[in-house]
């Protein structure tokens, strides 16, 4: 039985450039100001993904270093490492999606508030224009 395992090393490199440490720190600090629990959750998810990447690369190196006859011994570990990486990445994406949906909701509420104020000013302007006009 031949098992073909795609090695996602290139995908990992293309997925996101190396994080800018200052930008990352600013993001975590902003999260911490908003909600420390959310910041802690993000850091845990980010760290779990980083650990999964390290583990995946370690297993990929073992797999690639093994000869053809021994690669089958590492296939299960490689698949597990890839699954762990995918799960950690999906959890981080879920975090971003949840945060973005909450931001969209806040923005929509603010837009509605601004639209109501604009409509109120339009009505006031119309009433004032009537007062200014000669009958």
N, C-alpha and C. Protein backbone atom coordinates (compact mmCIF):
# COMPACT_ATOMS: atom_id res chain seq x y z
N UNK A 1 0.85 -1.17 0.00
CA UNK A 1 0.00 0.00 0.00
C UNK A 1 0.89 1.23 0.00
N UNK A 2 0.64 2.14 -0.90
CA UNK A 2 1.41 3.37 -0.99
C UNK A 2 0.59 4.50 -0.41
N UNK A 3 1.20 5.26 0.49
CA UNK A 3 0.53 6.39 1.11
C UNK A 3 1.22 7.65 0.64
N UNK A 4 0.45 8.54 0.06
CA UNK A 4 1.00 9.82 -0.39
C UNK A 4 0.54 10.86 0.60
N UNK A 5 1.48 11.53 1.20
CA UNK A 5 1.17 12.54 2.20
C UNK A 5 1.72 13.87 1.71
N UNK A 6 0.83 14.81 1.54
CA UNK A 6 1.27 16.15 1.12
C UNK A 6 1.87 16.84 2.33
N UNK A 7 3.01 17.42 2.13
CA UNK A 7 3.69 18.12 3.22
C UNK A 7 3.37 19.60 3.09
N UNK A 8 2.67 20.17 4.10
CA UNK A 8 2.21 21.54 3.98
C UNK A 8 3.24 22.60 4.33
N UNK A 9 4.49 22.29 4.29
CA UNK A 9 5.51 23.27 4.66
C UNK A 9 5.42 24.54 3.86
N UNK A 10 5.23 24.41 2.56
CA UNK A 10 5.11 25.60 1.72
C UNK A 10 3.84 26.37 2.04
N UNK A 11 2.77 25.65 2.34
CA UNK A 11 1.51 26.32 2.69
C UNK A 11 1.66 27.09 3.99
N UNK A 12 2.40 26.54 4.92
CA UNK A 12 2.61 27.24 6.18
C UNK A 12 3.34 28.55 5.95
N UNK A 13 4.32 28.52 5.08
CA UNK A 13 5.11 29.72 4.83
C UNK A 13 4.28 30.76 4.10
N UNK A 14 3.36 30.34 3.25
CA UNK A 14 2.57 31.28 2.47
C UNK A 14 1.34 31.77 3.22
N UNK A 15 0.92 31.03 4.22
CA UNK A 15 -0.32 31.37 4.91
C UNK A 15 -0.27 32.74 5.53
N UNK A 16 0.79 33.05 6.23
CA UNK A 16 0.91 34.33 6.89
C UNK A 16 2.38 34.63 7.07
N UNK A 17 2.80 35.83 6.72
CA UNK A 17 4.21 36.14 6.92
C UNK A 17 4.56 36.11 8.40
N UNK A 18 5.82 36.01 8.72
CA UNK A 18 6.25 35.99 10.11
C UNK A 18 5.62 37.18 10.83
N UNK A 19 5.01 36.91 11.99
CA UNK A 19 4.30 37.99 12.68
C UNK A 19 5.24 39.11 13.12
N UNK A 20 4.78 40.30 12.92
CA UNK A 20 5.52 41.47 13.38
C UNK A 20 5.31 41.54 14.90
N UNK A 21 6.38 41.40 15.63
CA UNK A 21 6.29 41.30 17.09
C UNK A 21 5.61 42.53 17.70
N UNK A 22 5.92 43.70 17.22
CA UNK A 22 5.31 44.91 17.79
C UNK A 22 3.81 44.96 17.49
N UNK A 23 3.44 44.63 16.26
CA UNK A 23 2.02 44.64 15.88
C UNK A 23 1.25 43.60 16.69
N UNK A 24 1.86 42.44 16.86
CA UNK A 24 1.24 41.36 17.64
C UNK A 24 1.04 41.80 19.09
N UNK A 25 2.07 42.41 19.66
CA UNK A 25 1.99 42.87 21.04
C UNK A 25 0.92 43.95 21.19
N UNK A 26 0.85 44.86 20.23
CA UNK A 26 -0.17 45.91 20.27
C UNK A 26 -1.57 45.30 20.19
N UNK A 27 -1.72 44.27 19.37
CA UNK A 27 -3.02 43.61 19.24
C UNK A 27 -3.41 42.96 20.57
N UNK A 28 -2.48 42.27 21.19
CA UNK A 28 -2.76 41.61 22.47
C UNK A 28 -3.08 42.66 23.54
N UNK A 29 -2.35 43.75 23.55
CA UNK A 29 -2.61 44.81 24.54
C UNK A 29 -3.99 45.43 24.33
N UNK A 30 -4.37 45.64 23.06
CA UNK A 30 -5.70 46.19 22.77
C UNK A 30 -6.78 45.21 23.22
N UNK A 31 -6.57 43.93 22.95
CA UNK A 31 -7.52 42.91 23.42
C UNK A 31 -7.62 42.93 24.94
N UNK A 32 -6.48 43.03 25.59
CA UNK A 32 -6.44 43.02 27.05
C UNK A 32 -7.20 44.22 27.63
N UNK A 33 -7.09 45.38 26.97
CA UNK A 33 -7.84 46.56 27.44
C UNK A 33 -9.34 46.35 27.26
N UNK A 34 -9.74 45.72 26.14
CA UNK A 34 -11.15 45.46 25.89
C UNK A 34 -11.71 44.41 26.84
N UNK A 35 -10.99 43.29 26.93
CA UNK A 35 -11.47 42.16 27.73
C UNK A 35 -10.30 41.22 28.01
N UNK A 36 -9.79 41.21 29.24
CA UNK A 36 -8.64 40.35 29.56
C UNK A 36 -8.88 38.87 29.29
N UNK A 37 -10.10 38.40 29.48
CA UNK A 37 -10.41 36.99 29.23
C UNK A 37 -10.26 36.67 27.74
N UNK A 38 -10.74 37.57 26.90
CA UNK A 38 -10.60 37.39 25.45
C UNK A 38 -9.13 37.40 25.05
N UNK A 39 -8.37 38.30 25.64
CA UNK A 39 -6.94 38.36 25.34
C UNK A 39 -6.25 37.06 25.73
N UNK A 40 -6.58 36.55 26.90
CA UNK A 40 -5.98 35.29 27.35
C UNK A 40 -6.36 34.14 26.42
N UNK A 41 -7.61 34.14 25.97
CA UNK A 41 -8.07 33.10 25.04
C UNK A 41 -7.30 33.19 23.73
N UNK A 42 -7.12 34.40 23.22
CA UNK A 42 -6.37 34.58 21.98
C UNK A 42 -4.93 34.10 22.14
N UNK A 43 -4.29 34.49 23.22
CA UNK A 43 -2.89 34.09 23.44
C UNK A 43 -2.79 32.57 23.51
N UNK A 44 -3.73 31.93 24.18
CA UNK A 44 -3.71 30.47 24.29
C UNK A 44 -3.89 29.83 22.91
N UNK A 45 -4.82 30.36 22.12
CA UNK A 45 -5.04 29.81 20.77
C UNK A 45 -3.83 30.04 19.88
N UNK A 46 -3.26 31.23 19.95
CA UNK A 46 -2.07 31.56 19.15
C UNK A 46 -0.91 30.66 19.52
N UNK A 47 -0.71 30.47 20.82
CA UNK A 47 0.39 29.63 21.28
C UNK A 47 0.18 28.16 20.91
N UNK A 48 -1.06 27.70 21.00
CA UNK A 48 -1.36 26.30 20.62
C UNK A 48 -1.07 26.10 19.14
N UNK A 49 -1.40 27.07 18.32
CA UNK A 49 -1.11 26.97 16.89
C UNK A 49 0.39 26.97 16.64
N UNK A 50 1.11 27.82 17.34
CA UNK A 50 2.58 27.88 17.19
C UNK A 50 3.20 26.54 17.58
N UNK A 51 2.71 25.95 18.67
CA UNK A 51 3.22 24.64 19.10
C UNK A 51 2.90 23.57 18.06
N UNK A 52 1.70 23.64 17.49
CA UNK A 52 1.31 22.67 16.47
C UNK A 52 2.20 22.79 15.23
N UNK A 53 2.57 24.01 14.88
CA UNK A 53 3.47 24.21 13.74
C UNK A 53 4.84 23.61 14.03
N UNK A 54 5.36 23.85 15.22
CA UNK A 54 6.67 23.30 15.60
C UNK A 54 6.63 21.77 15.55
N UNK A 55 5.56 21.20 16.11
CA UNK A 55 5.43 19.74 16.11
C UNK A 55 5.31 19.20 14.69
N UNK A 56 4.53 19.87 13.87
CA UNK A 56 4.38 19.43 12.48
C UNK A 56 5.72 19.47 11.76
N UNK A 57 6.45 20.51 11.92
CA UNK A 57 7.76 20.61 11.25
C UNK A 57 8.72 19.54 11.76
N UNK A 58 8.65 19.24 13.06
CA UNK A 58 9.52 18.20 13.63
C UNK A 58 9.18 16.84 13.00
N UNK A 59 7.90 16.53 12.93
CA UNK A 59 7.46 15.25 12.37
C UNK A 59 7.75 15.21 10.86
N UNK A 60 7.56 16.33 10.17
CA UNK A 60 7.90 16.37 8.74
C UNK A 60 9.39 16.09 8.53
N UNK A 61 10.22 16.64 9.39
CA UNK A 61 11.67 16.41 9.27
C UNK A 61 11.99 14.93 9.47
N UNK A 62 11.34 14.31 10.46
CA UNK A 62 11.56 12.88 10.68
C UNK A 62 11.09 12.07 9.47
N UNK A 63 9.92 12.42 8.99
CA UNK A 63 9.35 11.71 7.84
C UNK A 63 10.27 11.85 6.63
N UNK A 64 10.71 13.07 6.36
CA UNK A 64 11.56 13.32 5.20
C UNK A 64 12.94 12.69 5.35
N UNK A 65 13.43 12.55 6.58
CA UNK A 65 14.75 11.97 6.82
C UNK A 65 14.71 10.44 6.73
N UNK A 66 13.55 9.88 6.95
CA UNK A 66 13.43 8.42 6.90
C UNK A 66 13.52 7.95 5.45
N UNK A 67 14.10 6.85 5.27
CA UNK A 67 14.15 6.27 3.94
C UNK A 67 12.76 5.79 3.53
N UNK A 68 12.64 5.43 2.26
CA UNK A 68 11.35 4.99 1.74
C UNK A 68 10.76 3.84 2.55
N UNK A 69 11.61 2.96 2.98
CA UNK A 69 11.14 1.78 3.71
C UNK A 69 10.62 2.14 5.10
N UNK A 70 11.13 3.21 5.68
CA UNK A 70 10.75 3.58 7.05
C UNK A 70 9.67 4.67 7.12
N UNK A 71 9.37 5.29 6.01
CA UNK A 71 8.40 6.39 6.03
C UNK A 71 7.03 5.94 6.54
N UNK A 72 6.66 4.74 6.24
CA UNK A 72 5.36 4.24 6.69
C UNK A 72 5.24 4.31 8.22
N UNK A 73 6.36 4.17 8.93
CA UNK A 73 6.35 4.25 10.39
C UNK A 73 5.97 5.65 10.87
N UNK A 74 6.25 6.66 10.05
CA UNK A 74 6.01 8.04 10.46
C UNK A 74 4.72 8.63 9.90
N UNK A 75 4.07 7.89 9.01
CA UNK A 75 2.88 8.42 8.36
C UNK A 75 1.78 8.76 9.36
N UNK A 76 1.53 7.86 10.29
CA UNK A 76 0.47 8.11 11.29
C UNK A 76 0.79 9.36 12.10
N UNK A 77 2.04 9.51 12.52
CA UNK A 77 2.44 10.68 13.30
C UNK A 77 2.32 11.97 12.48
N UNK A 78 2.65 11.85 11.20
CA UNK A 78 2.54 13.01 10.31
C UNK A 78 1.08 13.43 10.15
N UNK A 79 0.22 12.47 9.95
CA UNK A 79 -1.21 12.76 9.80
C UNK A 79 -1.75 13.38 11.10
N UNK A 80 -1.35 12.84 12.24
CA UNK A 80 -1.79 13.39 13.53
C UNK A 80 -1.30 14.83 13.71
N UNK A 81 -0.06 15.07 13.36
CA UNK A 81 0.51 16.42 13.50
C UNK A 81 -0.22 17.39 12.57
N UNK A 82 -0.52 16.94 11.36
CA UNK A 82 -1.25 17.80 10.43
C UNK A 82 -2.65 18.10 10.94
N UNK A 83 -3.30 17.08 11.52
CA UNK A 83 -4.63 17.29 12.09
C UNK A 83 -4.58 18.27 13.26
N UNK A 84 -3.58 18.12 14.10
CA UNK A 84 -3.43 19.03 15.24
C UNK A 84 -3.21 20.46 14.75
N UNK A 85 -2.37 20.62 13.74
CA UNK A 85 -2.13 21.94 13.15
C UNK A 85 -3.42 22.52 12.58
N UNK A 86 -4.16 21.70 11.83
CA UNK A 86 -5.41 22.17 11.23
C UNK A 86 -6.41 22.57 12.30
N UNK A 87 -6.55 21.77 13.34
CA UNK A 87 -7.48 22.08 14.43
C UNK A 87 -7.10 23.38 15.13
N UNK A 88 -5.82 23.55 15.41
CA UNK A 88 -5.36 24.77 16.08
C UNK A 88 -5.57 25.99 15.19
N UNK A 89 -5.32 25.83 13.91
CA UNK A 89 -5.52 26.93 12.97
C UNK A 89 -6.99 27.28 12.83
N UNK A 90 -7.84 26.26 12.77
CA UNK A 90 -9.27 26.51 12.68
C UNK A 90 -9.80 27.19 13.93
N UNK A 91 -9.30 26.81 15.09
CA UNK A 91 -9.73 27.44 16.34
C UNK A 91 -9.35 28.93 16.33
N UNK A 92 -8.17 29.25 15.83
CA UNK A 92 -7.75 30.64 15.75
C UNK A 92 -8.61 31.41 14.74
N UNK A 93 -8.91 30.79 13.61
CA UNK A 93 -9.80 31.43 12.63
C UNK A 93 -11.20 31.65 13.21
N UNK A 94 -11.68 30.68 13.98
CA UNK A 94 -12.98 30.84 14.64
C UNK A 94 -12.96 32.03 15.59
N UNK A 95 -11.85 32.20 16.32
CA UNK A 95 -11.71 33.34 17.22
C UNK A 95 -11.81 34.64 16.43
N UNK A 96 -11.05 34.73 15.32
CA UNK A 96 -11.08 35.95 14.49
C UNK A 96 -12.49 36.21 13.95
N UNK A 97 -13.15 35.15 13.47
CA UNK A 97 -14.49 35.30 12.92
C UNK A 97 -15.47 35.80 13.99
N UNK A 98 -15.39 35.22 15.17
CA UNK A 98 -16.28 35.62 16.27
C UNK A 98 -16.05 37.09 16.63
N UNK A 99 -14.79 37.47 16.70
CA UNK A 99 -14.45 38.85 17.04
C UNK A 99 -14.92 39.80 15.94
N UNK A 100 -14.74 39.42 14.69
CA UNK A 100 -15.17 40.26 13.58
C UNK A 100 -16.69 40.38 13.52
N UNK A 101 -17.40 39.29 13.79
CA UNK A 101 -18.86 39.36 13.79
C UNK A 101 -19.35 40.32 14.88
N UNK A 102 -18.71 40.28 16.04
CA UNK A 102 -19.08 41.21 17.12
C UNK A 102 -18.79 42.65 16.71
N UNK A 103 -17.67 42.88 16.03
CA UNK A 103 -17.34 44.23 15.57
C UNK A 103 -18.36 44.70 14.54
N UNK A 104 -18.74 43.83 13.63
CA UNK A 104 -19.74 44.18 12.61
C UNK A 104 -21.05 44.57 13.30
N UNK A 105 -21.44 43.81 14.30
CA UNK A 105 -22.68 44.12 15.03
C UNK A 105 -22.59 45.50 15.68
N UNK A 106 -21.45 45.80 16.32
CA UNK A 106 -21.27 47.12 16.94
C UNK A 106 -21.33 48.22 15.88
N UNK A 107 -20.66 48.00 14.75
CA UNK A 107 -20.67 49.00 13.68
C UNK A 107 -22.08 49.21 13.13
N UNK A 108 -22.83 48.13 12.96
CA UNK A 108 -24.19 48.26 12.46
C UNK A 108 -25.05 49.06 13.43
N UNK A 109 -24.90 48.81 14.71
CA UNK A 109 -25.64 49.56 15.72
C UNK A 109 -25.26 51.04 15.69
N UNK A 110 -23.99 51.31 15.52
CA UNK A 110 -23.53 52.70 15.45
C UNK A 110 -24.03 53.38 14.18
N UNK A 111 -24.04 52.67 13.07
CA UNK A 111 -24.57 53.22 11.82
C UNK A 111 -26.05 53.56 11.98
N UNK A 112 -26.79 52.67 12.62
CA UNK A 112 -28.21 52.94 12.85
C UNK A 112 -28.39 54.18 13.72
N UNK A 113 -27.57 54.33 14.73
CA UNK A 113 -27.64 55.50 15.61
C UNK A 113 -27.34 56.77 14.83
N UNK A 114 -26.30 56.75 14.02
CA UNK A 114 -25.93 57.93 13.22
C UNK A 114 -27.02 58.23 12.19
N UNK A 115 -27.57 57.21 11.56
CA UNK A 115 -28.65 57.42 10.60
C UNK A 115 -29.87 58.05 11.28
N UNK A 116 -30.19 57.62 12.50
CA UNK A 116 -31.32 58.20 13.22
C UNK A 116 -31.05 59.67 13.54
N UNK A 117 -29.84 60.00 13.93
CA UNK A 117 -29.49 61.39 14.20
C UNK A 117 -29.57 62.23 12.93
N UNK A 118 -29.09 61.68 11.83
CA UNK A 118 -29.14 62.39 10.55
C UNK A 118 -30.59 62.64 10.14
N UNK A 119 -31.46 61.65 10.32
CA UNK A 119 -32.87 61.81 10.00
C UNK A 119 -33.52 62.86 10.90
N UNK A 120 -33.18 62.86 12.16
CA UNK A 120 -33.72 63.85 13.10
C UNK A 120 -33.30 65.27 12.68
N UNK A 121 -32.04 65.43 12.27
CA UNK A 121 -31.57 66.74 11.81
C UNK A 121 -32.27 67.14 10.51
N UNK A 122 -32.53 66.17 9.63
CA UNK A 122 -33.24 66.47 8.39
C UNK A 122 -34.63 67.01 8.69
N UNK A 123 -35.32 66.38 9.63
CA UNK A 123 -36.66 66.84 10.00
C UNK A 123 -36.59 68.23 10.63
N UNK A 124 -35.62 68.44 11.51
CA UNK A 124 -35.45 69.76 12.13
C UNK A 124 -35.14 70.82 11.09
N UNK A 125 -34.29 70.47 10.14
CA UNK A 125 -33.93 71.41 9.06
C UNK A 125 -35.17 71.78 8.26
N UNK A 126 -36.01 70.79 7.94
CA UNK A 126 -37.22 71.05 7.17
C UNK A 126 -38.16 71.98 7.94
N UNK A 127 -38.30 71.77 9.23
CA UNK A 127 -39.16 72.64 10.05
C UNK A 127 -38.59 74.05 10.12
N UNK A 128 -37.28 74.16 10.25
CA UNK A 128 -36.65 75.48 10.29
C UNK A 128 -36.79 76.21 8.96
N UNK A 129 -36.67 75.45 7.85
CA UNK A 129 -36.85 76.06 6.54
C UNK A 129 -38.27 76.61 6.39
N UNK A 130 -39.26 75.91 6.92
CA UNK A 130 -40.64 76.39 6.86
C UNK A 130 -40.79 77.70 7.63
N UNK A 131 -40.13 77.79 8.79
CA UNK A 131 -40.21 79.00 9.59
C UNK A 131 -39.54 80.17 8.87
N UNK A 132 -38.52 79.92 8.15
CA UNK A 132 -37.76 80.96 7.45
C UNK A 132 -38.47 81.46 6.20
N UNK A 133 -39.27 80.62 5.59
CA UNK A 133 -39.96 80.97 4.33
C UNK A 133 -41.10 81.93 4.60
N UNK A 134 -41.29 82.90 3.67
CA UNK A 134 -42.47 83.76 3.81
C UNK A 134 -43.73 82.97 3.38
N UNK A 135 -44.82 83.23 4.03
CA UNK A 135 -46.05 82.51 3.73
C UNK A 135 -46.71 83.07 2.53
